[in-house]
N, C-alpha and C. Protein backbone atom coordinates (compact mmCIF):
# COMPACT_ATOMS: atom_id res chain seq x y z
N MET A 1 5.93 49.08 -33.43
CA MET A 1 6.78 49.93 -34.24
C MET A 1 7.06 49.24 -35.57
N CYS A 2 7.30 50.03 -36.58
CA CYS A 2 7.56 49.47 -37.91
C CYS A 2 8.49 50.42 -38.65
N LYS A 3 9.68 49.96 -38.95
CA LYS A 3 10.65 50.75 -39.69
C LYS A 3 11.14 49.94 -40.88
N THR A 4 11.56 50.62 -41.91
CA THR A 4 11.95 49.94 -43.14
C THR A 4 13.15 49.03 -42.96
N GLU A 5 13.99 49.29 -41.95
CA GLU A 5 15.18 48.45 -41.77
C GLU A 5 14.87 47.16 -41.02
N TYR A 6 13.64 47.00 -40.51
CA TYR A 6 13.27 45.78 -39.81
C TYR A 6 12.62 44.80 -40.76
N ALA A 7 12.83 43.51 -40.47
CA ALA A 7 12.29 42.47 -41.37
C ALA A 7 10.79 42.29 -41.18
N VAL A 8 10.27 42.57 -40.00
CA VAL A 8 8.86 42.35 -39.70
C VAL A 8 8.30 43.54 -38.94
N CYS A 9 6.98 43.68 -38.96
CA CYS A 9 6.32 44.78 -38.28
C CYS A 9 5.22 44.23 -37.38
N GLY A 10 4.83 45.02 -36.39
CA GLY A 10 3.73 44.64 -35.52
C GLY A 10 2.40 44.69 -36.25
N ASN A 11 1.40 44.01 -35.69
CA ASN A 11 0.08 43.98 -36.31
C ASN A 11 -0.98 44.26 -35.25
N PRO A 12 -1.42 45.49 -35.00
CA PRO A 12 -0.89 46.70 -35.66
C PRO A 12 0.37 47.27 -35.01
N HIS A 13 0.55 46.98 -33.69
CA HIS A 13 1.70 47.60 -33.02
C HIS A 13 2.42 46.64 -32.10
N LEU A 14 1.93 45.40 -31.94
CA LEU A 14 2.57 44.41 -31.08
C LEU A 14 3.19 43.30 -31.91
N LEU A 15 4.27 42.75 -31.40
CA LEU A 15 4.97 41.69 -32.12
C LEU A 15 5.46 40.67 -31.10
N GLU A 16 5.15 39.40 -31.32
CA GLU A 16 5.67 38.33 -30.47
C GLU A 16 7.08 38.01 -30.95
N GLY A 17 7.93 37.64 -30.12
CA GLY A 17 8.35 37.82 -28.83
C GLY A 17 9.86 37.84 -28.94
N SER A 18 10.51 37.49 -27.87
CA SER A 18 11.97 37.55 -27.82
C SER A 18 12.50 36.45 -26.91
N LEU A 19 13.57 35.83 -27.33
CA LEU A 19 14.23 34.81 -26.52
C LEU A 19 15.68 35.22 -26.32
N SER A 20 16.11 35.32 -25.07
CA SER A 20 17.47 35.78 -24.77
C SER A 20 18.25 34.68 -24.08
N ALA A 21 19.52 34.57 -24.45
CA ALA A 21 20.43 33.64 -23.78
C ALA A 21 21.49 34.47 -23.06
N PHE A 22 21.66 34.21 -21.79
CA PHE A 22 22.60 34.99 -21.00
C PHE A 22 23.91 34.23 -20.87
N LEU A 23 24.98 34.81 -21.40
CA LEU A 23 26.31 34.21 -21.35
C LEU A 23 27.02 34.63 -20.07
N PRO A 24 28.03 33.86 -19.68
CA PRO A 24 28.83 34.28 -18.51
C PRO A 24 29.46 35.64 -18.76
N SER A 25 29.77 36.35 -17.69
CA SER A 25 30.39 37.67 -17.82
C SER A 25 31.74 37.53 -18.52
N LEU A 26 32.20 38.63 -19.09
CA LEU A 26 33.49 38.62 -19.78
C LEU A 26 34.64 38.32 -18.83
N ASN A 27 34.45 38.61 -17.56
CA ASN A 27 35.49 38.29 -16.59
C ASN A 27 35.65 36.79 -16.42
N LEU A 28 34.54 36.07 -16.47
CA LEU A 28 34.58 34.62 -16.31
C LEU A 28 34.88 33.90 -17.62
N ALA A 29 34.37 34.42 -18.71
CA ALA A 29 34.52 33.76 -20.01
C ALA A 29 34.80 34.81 -21.07
N PRO A 30 36.06 35.28 -21.15
CA PRO A 30 36.40 36.30 -22.15
C PRO A 30 36.10 35.81 -23.56
N ARG A 31 35.62 36.70 -24.40
CA ARG A 31 35.31 36.34 -25.78
C ARG A 31 35.62 37.50 -26.71
N LEU A 32 35.82 37.16 -27.97
CA LEU A 32 36.15 38.14 -28.99
C LEU A 32 34.99 38.30 -29.95
N SER A 33 34.80 39.50 -30.43
CA SER A 33 33.86 39.77 -31.51
C SER A 33 34.66 40.00 -32.78
N ILE A 34 34.42 39.16 -33.79
CA ILE A 34 35.26 39.14 -34.99
C ILE A 34 34.41 39.44 -36.22
N PRO A 35 34.85 40.36 -37.08
CA PRO A 35 34.07 40.66 -38.29
C PRO A 35 33.95 39.43 -39.19
N ASN A 36 32.78 39.22 -39.70
CA ASN A 36 32.55 38.14 -40.66
C ASN A 36 33.20 38.51 -42.00
N PRO A 37 34.03 37.63 -42.57
CA PRO A 37 34.63 37.95 -43.87
C PRO A 37 33.59 38.24 -44.94
N TRP A 38 32.39 37.71 -44.77
CA TRP A 38 31.30 37.93 -45.72
C TRP A 38 30.31 38.96 -45.19
N ILE A 39 30.84 40.01 -44.55
CA ILE A 39 30.01 41.06 -44.01
C ILE A 39 29.34 41.84 -45.14
N ARG A 40 28.14 42.35 -44.90
CA ARG A 40 27.41 43.12 -45.90
C ARG A 40 27.94 44.55 -45.96
N SER A 41 27.68 45.21 -47.09
CA SER A 41 28.13 46.59 -47.25
C SER A 41 27.27 47.56 -46.46
N TYR A 42 25.97 47.23 -46.25
CA TYR A 42 25.05 48.08 -45.51
C TYR A 42 24.96 49.50 -46.08
N SER A 43 25.10 49.60 -47.39
CA SER A 43 24.94 50.90 -48.04
C SER A 43 24.41 50.68 -49.45
N PHE A 44 23.87 51.74 -50.02
CA PHE A 44 23.31 51.64 -51.37
C PHE A 44 24.32 52.05 -52.45
N ASP A 45 25.47 52.56 -52.03
CA ASP A 45 26.41 53.12 -53.02
C ASP A 45 27.69 52.30 -53.17
N GLY A 46 27.72 51.10 -52.62
CA GLY A 46 28.91 50.27 -52.77
C GLY A 46 28.64 48.85 -52.34
N LYS A 47 29.53 47.95 -52.74
CA LYS A 47 29.41 46.55 -52.36
C LYS A 47 30.73 46.04 -51.81
N GLU A 48 30.65 45.02 -50.97
CA GLU A 48 31.84 44.37 -50.48
C GLU A 48 32.44 43.50 -51.58
N GLU A 49 33.73 43.16 -51.43
CA GLU A 49 34.41 42.42 -52.50
C GLU A 49 33.73 41.09 -52.80
N TRP A 50 33.26 40.38 -51.76
CA TRP A 50 32.66 39.06 -52.00
C TRP A 50 31.39 39.15 -52.84
N GLU A 51 30.74 40.34 -52.83
CA GLU A 51 29.51 40.51 -53.59
C GLU A 51 29.76 40.67 -55.08
N VAL A 52 30.99 40.98 -55.47
CA VAL A 52 31.30 41.21 -56.89
C VAL A 52 32.39 40.28 -57.41
N ASN A 53 33.10 39.61 -56.51
CA ASN A 53 34.21 38.74 -56.91
C ASN A 53 33.89 37.30 -56.54
N PRO A 54 33.55 36.45 -57.53
CA PRO A 54 33.21 35.06 -57.22
C PRO A 54 34.38 34.25 -56.68
N PHE A 55 35.60 34.77 -56.82
CA PHE A 55 36.79 34.08 -56.33
C PHE A 55 37.30 34.67 -55.01
N TYR A 56 36.44 35.39 -54.34
CA TYR A 56 36.81 36.06 -53.10
C TYR A 56 37.35 35.08 -52.05
N CYS A 57 36.86 33.86 -52.05
CA CYS A 57 37.30 32.90 -51.04
C CYS A 57 38.79 32.61 -51.13
N ASN A 58 39.37 32.75 -52.33
CA ASN A 58 40.82 32.54 -52.46
C ASN A 58 41.58 33.53 -51.60
N THR A 59 41.05 34.75 -51.48
CA THR A 59 41.67 35.75 -50.63
C THR A 59 41.51 35.40 -49.16
N VAL A 60 40.31 34.93 -48.78
CA VAL A 60 40.05 34.58 -47.39
C VAL A 60 40.95 33.43 -46.95
N ARG A 61 41.17 32.46 -47.83
CA ARG A 61 41.99 31.29 -47.48
C ARG A 61 43.43 31.68 -47.15
N GLU A 62 43.88 32.83 -47.61
CA GLU A 62 45.24 33.27 -47.36
C GLU A 62 45.35 34.12 -46.09
N MET A 63 44.20 34.42 -45.48
CA MET A 63 44.18 35.29 -44.30
C MET A 63 44.21 34.46 -43.02
N TYR A 64 44.93 34.95 -42.03
CA TYR A 64 44.87 34.35 -40.70
C TYR A 64 43.56 34.76 -40.04
N PRO A 65 42.85 33.87 -39.37
CA PRO A 65 43.17 32.47 -39.06
C PRO A 65 42.56 31.46 -40.03
N TYR A 66 42.00 31.95 -41.13
CA TYR A 66 41.30 31.04 -42.04
C TYR A 66 42.26 30.18 -42.85
N SER A 67 43.53 30.52 -42.79
CA SER A 67 44.52 29.78 -43.58
C SER A 67 45.05 28.54 -42.88
N ASN A 68 44.91 28.44 -41.56
CA ASN A 68 45.56 27.32 -40.87
C ASN A 68 44.72 26.79 -39.70
N SER A 69 43.39 26.83 -39.81
CA SER A 69 42.54 26.29 -38.75
C SER A 69 41.24 25.83 -39.37
N ASN A 70 40.33 25.36 -38.53
CA ASN A 70 39.02 24.94 -39.04
C ASN A 70 38.03 26.10 -39.07
N ARG A 71 38.52 27.32 -38.92
CA ARG A 71 37.63 28.48 -38.83
C ARG A 71 36.77 28.64 -40.08
N LEU A 72 37.35 28.41 -41.26
CA LEU A 72 36.59 28.56 -42.49
C LEU A 72 35.44 27.56 -42.56
N LEU A 73 35.69 26.33 -42.13
CA LEU A 73 34.63 25.34 -42.09
C LEU A 73 33.52 25.76 -41.13
N ASN A 74 33.90 26.38 -40.02
CA ASN A 74 32.90 26.86 -39.07
C ASN A 74 32.09 28.03 -39.65
N ILE A 75 32.75 28.86 -40.44
CA ILE A 75 32.05 29.96 -41.11
C ILE A 75 31.00 29.40 -42.07
N VAL A 76 31.36 28.34 -42.81
CA VAL A 76 30.42 27.71 -43.73
C VAL A 76 29.24 27.12 -42.95
N ASP A 77 29.53 26.47 -41.82
CA ASP A 77 28.45 25.96 -40.97
C ASP A 77 27.52 27.09 -40.54
N MET A 78 28.10 28.22 -40.16
CA MET A 78 27.30 29.36 -39.72
C MET A 78 26.42 29.88 -40.85
N ALA A 79 26.97 29.93 -42.07
CA ALA A 79 26.19 30.39 -43.22
C ALA A 79 25.02 29.46 -43.51
N ILE A 80 25.26 28.15 -43.38
CA ILE A 80 24.19 27.17 -43.59
C ILE A 80 23.09 27.37 -42.55
N PHE A 81 23.47 27.57 -41.30
CA PHE A 81 22.50 27.82 -40.24
C PHE A 81 21.69 29.09 -40.55
N ASP A 82 22.38 30.16 -40.94
CA ASP A 82 21.70 31.42 -41.22
C ASP A 82 20.75 31.28 -42.40
N PHE A 83 21.16 30.52 -43.41
CA PHE A 83 20.29 30.34 -44.57
C PHE A 83 19.04 29.55 -44.20
N LEU A 84 19.20 28.54 -43.37
CA LEU A 84 18.04 27.73 -42.97
C LEU A 84 17.01 28.56 -42.21
N ILE A 85 17.47 29.45 -41.34
CA ILE A 85 16.53 30.25 -40.56
C ILE A 85 16.15 31.54 -41.28
N GLY A 86 16.70 31.76 -42.48
CA GLY A 86 16.36 32.96 -43.24
C GLY A 86 16.70 34.23 -42.49
N ARG A 87 17.97 34.35 -42.11
CA ARG A 87 18.35 35.40 -41.16
C ARG A 87 18.51 36.78 -41.79
N ASN A 88 18.08 37.00 -42.99
CA ASN A 88 18.08 38.33 -43.59
C ASN A 88 19.48 38.95 -43.71
N MET A 89 20.49 38.09 -43.88
CA MET A 89 21.84 38.53 -44.27
C MET A 89 22.54 39.39 -43.23
N ASP A 90 22.21 39.23 -41.96
CA ASP A 90 22.66 40.20 -40.95
C ASP A 90 23.78 39.69 -40.06
N ARG A 91 24.57 38.73 -40.50
CA ARG A 91 25.64 38.17 -39.67
C ARG A 91 26.92 38.98 -39.92
N HIS A 92 27.00 40.16 -39.36
CA HIS A 92 28.17 41.01 -39.62
C HIS A 92 29.35 40.68 -38.71
N HIS A 93 29.10 40.05 -37.55
CA HIS A 93 30.16 39.61 -36.64
C HIS A 93 29.83 38.23 -36.10
N TYR A 94 30.84 37.56 -35.62
CA TYR A 94 30.63 36.36 -34.82
C TYR A 94 31.54 36.45 -33.60
N GLU A 95 31.24 35.67 -32.59
CA GLU A 95 32.02 35.73 -31.35
C GLU A 95 32.59 34.35 -31.02
N MET A 96 33.69 34.37 -30.26
CA MET A 96 34.36 33.15 -29.84
C MET A 96 34.87 33.33 -28.42
N PHE A 97 34.81 32.26 -27.63
CA PHE A 97 35.46 32.27 -26.33
C PHE A 97 36.97 32.16 -26.56
N THR A 98 37.74 33.04 -25.94
CA THR A 98 39.18 33.07 -26.16
C THR A 98 39.87 31.83 -25.61
N LYS A 99 39.28 31.18 -24.62
CA LYS A 99 39.90 30.04 -23.96
C LYS A 99 40.23 28.91 -24.92
N PHE A 100 39.45 28.76 -25.99
CA PHE A 100 39.60 27.61 -26.88
C PHE A 100 40.48 27.91 -28.09
N GLY A 101 41.02 29.11 -28.21
CA GLY A 101 41.94 29.42 -29.29
C GLY A 101 41.29 29.48 -30.65
N ASP A 102 42.13 29.36 -31.69
CA ASP A 102 41.67 29.53 -33.06
C ASP A 102 40.66 28.46 -33.49
N ASP A 103 40.75 27.28 -32.89
CA ASP A 103 39.88 26.20 -33.31
C ASP A 103 38.62 26.07 -32.45
N GLY A 104 38.33 27.09 -31.66
CA GLY A 104 37.12 27.06 -30.86
C GLY A 104 35.87 27.22 -31.71
N PHE A 105 34.73 26.95 -31.10
CA PHE A 105 33.47 27.05 -31.83
C PHE A 105 33.02 28.51 -31.93
N LEU A 106 32.16 28.79 -32.89
CA LEU A 106 31.63 30.13 -33.08
C LEU A 106 30.33 30.28 -32.29
N LEU A 107 30.14 31.45 -31.71
CA LEU A 107 28.89 31.76 -31.02
C LEU A 107 27.96 32.47 -31.99
N HIS A 108 26.82 31.89 -32.24
CA HIS A 108 25.85 32.47 -33.17
C HIS A 108 24.87 33.34 -32.38
N LEU A 109 25.26 34.57 -32.11
CA LEU A 109 24.43 35.49 -31.33
C LEU A 109 23.59 36.37 -32.24
N ASP A 110 22.59 37.00 -31.65
CA ASP A 110 21.77 38.00 -32.33
C ASP A 110 21.07 37.39 -33.55
N ASN A 111 20.11 36.52 -33.29
CA ASN A 111 19.35 35.89 -34.37
C ASN A 111 17.93 36.43 -34.48
N ALA A 112 17.75 37.69 -34.07
CA ALA A 112 16.40 38.25 -34.00
C ALA A 112 15.71 38.30 -35.35
N ARG A 113 16.47 38.34 -36.42
CA ARG A 113 15.85 38.41 -37.74
C ARG A 113 15.60 37.03 -38.35
N GLY A 114 15.84 36.00 -37.57
CA GLY A 114 15.58 34.66 -38.07
C GLY A 114 14.10 34.41 -38.27
N PHE A 115 13.76 33.59 -39.26
CA PHE A 115 12.39 33.21 -39.57
C PHE A 115 11.51 34.44 -39.80
N GLY A 116 12.04 35.38 -40.56
CA GLY A 116 11.26 36.58 -40.87
C GLY A 116 10.32 36.40 -42.04
N ARG A 117 10.83 35.84 -43.16
CA ARG A 117 10.01 35.69 -44.38
C ARG A 117 10.12 34.25 -44.85
N HIS A 118 9.07 33.49 -44.65
CA HIS A 118 9.12 32.08 -45.04
C HIS A 118 9.11 31.89 -46.55
N SER A 119 8.63 32.88 -47.29
CA SER A 119 8.49 32.73 -48.74
C SER A 119 9.74 33.13 -49.51
N HIS A 120 10.75 33.66 -48.83
CA HIS A 120 11.94 34.15 -49.53
C HIS A 120 13.17 33.39 -49.07
N ASP A 121 13.97 32.93 -50.02
CA ASP A 121 15.23 32.25 -49.74
C ASP A 121 16.37 33.14 -50.23
N GLU A 122 17.13 33.71 -49.31
CA GLU A 122 18.21 34.64 -49.68
C GLU A 122 19.48 33.85 -49.97
N ILE A 123 19.65 33.51 -51.26
CA ILE A 123 20.74 32.64 -51.67
C ILE A 123 22.11 33.23 -51.35
N SER A 124 22.22 34.55 -51.32
CA SER A 124 23.53 35.17 -51.07
C SER A 124 24.08 34.82 -49.70
N ILE A 125 23.22 34.41 -48.76
CA ILE A 125 23.71 34.00 -47.44
C ILE A 125 24.65 32.81 -47.56
N LEU A 126 24.46 32.00 -48.62
CA LEU A 126 25.28 30.80 -48.82
C LEU A 126 26.60 31.09 -49.53
N ALA A 127 26.96 32.36 -49.66
CA ALA A 127 28.19 32.70 -50.37
C ALA A 127 29.43 31.98 -49.83
N PRO A 128 29.63 31.85 -48.51
CA PRO A 128 30.81 31.11 -48.04
C PRO A 128 30.84 29.68 -48.56
N LEU A 129 29.71 29.02 -48.63
CA LEU A 129 29.66 27.66 -49.14
C LEU A 129 29.87 27.63 -50.65
N SER A 130 29.15 28.45 -51.38
CA SER A 130 29.23 28.39 -52.84
C SER A 130 30.55 28.92 -53.38
N GLN A 131 31.18 29.87 -52.69
CA GLN A 131 32.45 30.41 -53.17
C GLN A 131 33.64 29.58 -52.73
N CYS A 132 33.58 29.02 -51.52
CA CYS A 132 34.71 28.22 -51.02
C CYS A 132 34.59 26.75 -51.41
N CYS A 133 33.37 26.29 -51.66
CA CYS A 133 33.12 24.90 -52.03
C CYS A 133 33.80 23.94 -51.07
N ILE A 134 33.49 24.11 -49.79
CA ILE A 134 34.01 23.21 -48.77
C ILE A 134 32.97 23.09 -47.67
N ILE A 135 32.87 21.90 -47.09
CA ILE A 135 31.89 21.65 -46.05
C ILE A 135 32.39 20.49 -45.19
N LYS A 136 32.08 20.52 -43.90
CA LYS A 136 32.46 19.41 -43.03
C LYS A 136 31.70 18.15 -43.44
N ARG A 137 32.39 17.02 -43.36
CA ARG A 137 31.72 15.76 -43.65
C ARG A 137 30.55 15.52 -42.70
N THR A 138 30.76 15.82 -41.41
CA THR A 138 29.68 15.60 -40.45
C THR A 138 28.47 16.47 -40.77
N THR A 139 28.71 17.71 -41.19
CA THR A 139 27.60 18.59 -41.57
C THR A 139 26.89 18.06 -42.80
N PHE A 140 27.65 17.63 -43.80
CA PHE A 140 27.07 17.13 -45.04
C PHE A 140 26.22 15.89 -44.78
N LEU A 141 26.73 14.97 -43.96
CA LEU A 141 25.98 13.75 -43.65
C LEU A 141 24.70 14.08 -42.89
N ARG A 142 24.78 15.01 -41.96
CA ARG A 142 23.59 15.39 -41.20
C ARG A 142 22.54 16.02 -42.12
N LEU A 143 22.97 16.86 -43.04
CA LEU A 143 22.03 17.48 -43.97
C LEU A 143 21.38 16.43 -44.87
N GLN A 144 22.18 15.48 -45.34
CA GLN A 144 21.62 14.40 -46.15
C GLN A 144 20.59 13.60 -45.37
N LEU A 145 20.90 13.34 -44.11
CA LEU A 145 19.98 12.58 -43.27
C LEU A 145 18.66 13.32 -43.09
N LEU A 146 18.74 14.63 -42.85
CA LEU A 146 17.54 15.43 -42.62
C LEU A 146 16.74 15.68 -43.89
N ALA A 147 17.27 15.27 -45.03
CA ALA A 147 16.55 15.38 -46.29
C ALA A 147 15.78 14.10 -46.62
N GLN A 148 16.03 13.04 -45.87
CA GLN A 148 15.34 11.79 -46.11
C GLN A 148 13.95 11.83 -45.51
N PRO A 149 12.98 11.16 -46.16
CA PRO A 149 11.58 11.24 -45.71
C PRO A 149 11.37 10.86 -44.25
N GLU A 150 12.09 9.86 -43.76
CA GLU A 150 11.86 9.41 -42.39
C GLU A 150 12.51 10.31 -41.35
N PHE A 151 13.39 11.23 -41.78
CA PHE A 151 14.04 12.17 -40.84
C PHE A 151 13.92 13.60 -41.35
N ARG A 152 12.85 13.92 -42.01
CA ARG A 152 12.71 15.23 -42.64
C ARG A 152 12.86 16.36 -41.61
N LEU A 153 13.63 17.38 -42.00
CA LEU A 153 13.95 18.46 -41.07
C LEU A 153 12.70 19.12 -40.50
N SER A 154 11.71 19.38 -41.32
CA SER A 154 10.49 20.02 -40.82
C SER A 154 9.80 19.15 -39.77
N ASP A 155 9.80 17.84 -39.99
CA ASP A 155 9.16 16.93 -39.04
C ASP A 155 9.94 16.88 -37.73
N VAL A 156 11.27 16.82 -37.83
CA VAL A 156 12.10 16.79 -36.63
C VAL A 156 11.93 18.08 -35.83
N MET A 157 11.91 19.21 -36.52
CA MET A 157 11.74 20.50 -35.85
C MET A 157 10.35 20.61 -35.24
N ARG A 158 9.34 20.19 -35.98
CA ARG A 158 7.97 20.26 -35.46
C ARG A 158 7.83 19.44 -34.17
N GLU A 159 8.36 18.24 -34.19
CA GLU A 159 8.27 17.38 -33.01
C GLU A 159 9.03 17.97 -31.84
N SER A 160 10.20 18.54 -32.12
CA SER A 160 11.00 19.14 -31.06
C SER A 160 10.28 20.32 -30.43
N LEU A 161 9.67 21.17 -31.25
CA LEU A 161 9.03 22.37 -30.74
C LEU A 161 7.74 22.09 -29.99
N LEU A 162 7.18 20.93 -30.18
CA LEU A 162 5.97 20.56 -29.44
C LEU A 162 6.23 20.48 -27.94
N GLN A 163 7.49 20.28 -27.57
CA GLN A 163 7.85 20.20 -26.16
C GLN A 163 8.02 21.58 -25.53
N ASP A 164 7.99 22.62 -26.36
CA ASP A 164 8.20 23.98 -25.86
C ASP A 164 6.92 24.54 -25.25
N PRO A 165 7.02 25.23 -24.12
CA PRO A 165 5.83 25.83 -23.51
C PRO A 165 5.11 26.81 -24.43
N LEU A 166 5.83 27.36 -25.42
CA LEU A 166 5.24 28.31 -26.36
C LEU A 166 4.84 27.66 -27.67
N ALA A 167 4.76 26.34 -27.70
CA ALA A 167 4.42 25.62 -28.92
C ALA A 167 3.14 26.19 -29.53
N PRO A 168 3.13 26.28 -30.89
CA PRO A 168 4.04 25.63 -31.83
C PRO A 168 5.28 26.43 -32.21
N VAL A 169 5.46 27.64 -31.75
CA VAL A 169 6.63 28.51 -31.98
C VAL A 169 6.73 28.94 -33.44
N LEU A 170 6.92 27.98 -34.36
CA LEU A 170 7.01 28.28 -35.78
C LEU A 170 5.73 27.87 -36.49
N THR A 171 5.29 28.71 -37.42
CA THR A 171 4.13 28.37 -38.22
C THR A 171 4.51 27.32 -39.26
N GLU A 172 3.51 26.66 -39.81
CA GLU A 172 3.76 25.60 -40.78
C GLU A 172 4.54 26.08 -42.01
N PRO A 173 4.24 27.25 -42.57
CA PRO A 173 5.05 27.72 -43.71
C PRO A 173 6.53 27.85 -43.39
N HIS A 174 6.86 28.25 -42.17
CA HIS A 174 8.27 28.35 -41.78
C HIS A 174 8.91 26.96 -41.69
N LEU A 175 8.17 25.99 -41.19
CA LEU A 175 8.69 24.62 -41.09
C LEU A 175 8.95 24.05 -42.48
N LEU A 176 8.01 24.26 -43.39
CA LEU A 176 8.18 23.75 -44.75
C LEU A 176 9.31 24.47 -45.47
N ALA A 177 9.53 25.73 -45.12
CA ALA A 177 10.64 26.47 -45.72
C ALA A 177 11.98 25.83 -45.37
N LEU A 178 12.08 25.22 -44.20
CA LEU A 178 13.32 24.53 -43.82
C LEU A 178 13.64 23.41 -44.81
N ASP A 179 12.65 22.64 -45.21
CA ASP A 179 12.88 21.56 -46.17
C ASP A 179 13.32 22.11 -47.52
N ARG A 180 12.67 23.18 -47.94
CA ARG A 180 13.01 23.79 -49.24
C ARG A 180 14.44 24.32 -49.23
N ARG A 181 14.81 25.00 -48.16
CA ARG A 181 16.15 25.57 -48.08
C ARG A 181 17.21 24.49 -47.93
N LEU A 182 16.86 23.41 -47.24
CA LEU A 182 17.80 22.30 -47.13
C LEU A 182 18.14 21.73 -48.50
N GLN A 183 17.13 21.59 -49.35
CA GLN A 183 17.39 21.09 -50.70
C GLN A 183 18.29 22.03 -51.48
N LEU A 184 18.11 23.33 -51.30
CA LEU A 184 18.96 24.31 -51.99
C LEU A 184 20.41 24.20 -51.51
N ILE A 185 20.61 23.93 -50.23
CA ILE A 185 21.96 23.75 -49.70
C ILE A 185 22.61 22.52 -50.32
N LEU A 186 21.88 21.41 -50.36
CA LEU A 186 22.41 20.18 -50.94
C LEU A 186 22.70 20.35 -52.43
N GLU A 187 21.88 21.11 -53.11
CA GLU A 187 22.15 21.38 -54.53
C GLU A 187 23.43 22.19 -54.70
N ALA A 188 23.66 23.15 -53.80
CA ALA A 188 24.89 23.94 -53.87
C ALA A 188 26.11 23.06 -53.63
N VAL A 189 26.03 22.16 -52.64
CA VAL A 189 27.13 21.23 -52.39
C VAL A 189 27.31 20.32 -53.59
N GLY A 190 26.22 19.87 -54.19
CA GLY A 190 26.31 19.00 -55.36
C GLY A 190 27.02 19.67 -56.52
N ARG A 191 26.75 20.95 -56.75
CA ARG A 191 27.44 21.67 -57.82
C ARG A 191 28.93 21.77 -57.54
N CYS A 192 29.28 21.98 -56.29
CA CYS A 192 30.70 22.03 -55.92
C CYS A 192 31.38 20.68 -56.17
N ILE A 193 30.70 19.61 -55.78
CA ILE A 193 31.27 18.28 -55.97
C ILE A 193 31.42 17.97 -57.45
N ASP A 194 30.45 18.36 -58.25
CA ASP A 194 30.55 18.14 -59.70
C ASP A 194 31.75 18.87 -60.30
N THR A 195 32.08 20.02 -59.73
CA THR A 195 33.17 20.84 -60.25
C THR A 195 34.54 20.40 -59.73
N PHE A 196 34.64 20.14 -58.43
CA PHE A 196 35.94 19.91 -57.81
C PHE A 196 36.14 18.49 -57.29
N GLY A 197 35.08 17.71 -57.21
CA GLY A 197 35.19 16.35 -56.68
C GLY A 197 34.92 16.30 -55.19
N GLU A 198 34.34 15.20 -54.73
CA GLU A 198 33.95 15.08 -53.34
C GLU A 198 35.15 15.14 -52.39
N ALA A 199 36.28 14.57 -52.79
CA ALA A 199 37.45 14.55 -51.92
C ALA A 199 37.94 15.96 -51.58
N THR A 200 37.73 16.90 -52.50
CA THR A 200 38.16 18.28 -52.29
C THR A 200 37.11 19.07 -51.51
N VAL A 201 35.85 18.82 -51.78
CA VAL A 201 34.77 19.62 -51.21
C VAL A 201 34.43 19.19 -49.79
N VAL A 202 34.34 17.88 -49.55
CA VAL A 202 33.89 17.36 -48.26
C VAL A 202 35.10 17.13 -47.37
N ALA A 203 35.26 17.97 -46.35
CA ALA A 203 36.41 17.90 -45.45
C ALA A 203 36.16 16.87 -44.36
N ASN A 204 37.09 15.97 -44.17
CA ASN A 204 36.94 14.91 -43.19
C ASN A 204 37.27 15.45 -41.80
N ASP A 205 36.25 15.86 -41.08
CA ASP A 205 36.44 16.42 -39.74
C ASP A 205 36.16 15.40 -38.65
N THR A 206 36.15 14.12 -39.01
CA THR A 206 35.91 13.07 -38.04
C THR A 206 36.95 11.98 -38.21
N ALA A 207 37.24 11.27 -37.13
CA ALA A 207 38.23 10.20 -37.19
C ALA A 207 37.68 8.96 -37.86
N GLN A 208 36.35 8.91 -38.05
CA GLN A 208 35.77 7.74 -38.68
C GLN A 208 36.06 7.74 -40.17
N SER A 209 36.07 6.56 -40.74
CA SER A 209 36.32 6.42 -42.17
C SER A 209 35.08 6.83 -42.95
N PRO A 210 35.22 7.21 -44.24
CA PRO A 210 34.06 7.54 -45.06
C PRO A 210 33.05 6.40 -45.10
N ALA A 211 33.52 5.16 -45.10
CA ALA A 211 32.60 4.03 -45.13
C ALA A 211 31.75 3.99 -43.87
N ALA A 212 32.37 4.31 -42.73
CA ALA A 212 31.62 4.32 -41.48
C ALA A 212 30.60 5.44 -41.48
N ASP A 213 30.98 6.61 -42.05
CA ASP A 213 30.05 7.73 -42.14
C ASP A 213 28.85 7.36 -42.99
N ARG A 214 29.12 6.72 -44.10
CA ARG A 214 28.04 6.33 -45.00
C ARG A 214 27.14 5.30 -44.33
N ALA A 215 27.71 4.41 -43.57
CA ALA A 215 26.91 3.41 -42.87
C ALA A 215 25.98 4.07 -41.87
N ARG A 216 26.47 5.12 -41.19
CA ARG A 216 25.63 5.85 -40.25
C ARG A 216 24.46 6.49 -40.98
N LEU A 217 24.71 7.06 -42.15
CA LEU A 217 23.65 7.69 -42.92
C LEU A 217 22.62 6.66 -43.38
N ASP A 218 23.10 5.50 -43.84
CA ASP A 218 22.20 4.49 -44.36
C ASP A 218 21.33 3.88 -43.28
N THR A 219 21.83 3.89 -42.03
CA THR A 219 21.04 3.32 -40.94
C THR A 219 20.12 4.35 -40.33
């Protein structure tokens, strides 16, 4: 099947494949589905506020629960993940297990549109990062590490996927796209740091000191 709203089409009518993760029932593990503040308009006749207002994050920061928890940092992490896999801007909701409260982790469900177009980098997916100019220190350090030649993200992913029964899973252009998109993420963080300073942009989400974090990166 091939429809204009899908990112990819069969050739001529078949398309590989699908991977499903089965979560516990809602009775055992209740969870909430929450609209993404950076949801798309999904129409041709209007846009969401974040698409036209570069200061939209100021509004989000005043909203519960983004005003008094690590939820905003988790949203930025989610946007970085979506940008790396080229998810075609389709993260309209996210889910959370209710047991862990406001500071619980986000469930990144429904990634079927990931790795659709290796040649296209949809910069607007990074709007939470570029508009809020905030990122976890642990995320920033990990991204810097994966940009170094000896730990290059494409190489790490390629080696990891070799263990999969369906290897190679991702084609080489998709693997190389990860390196390209990683550099774009680091450039976005760099622009934020140039504007607001590292102390404001990089949130210390670890008990370790910045010196210890840097030592981990250098080693």
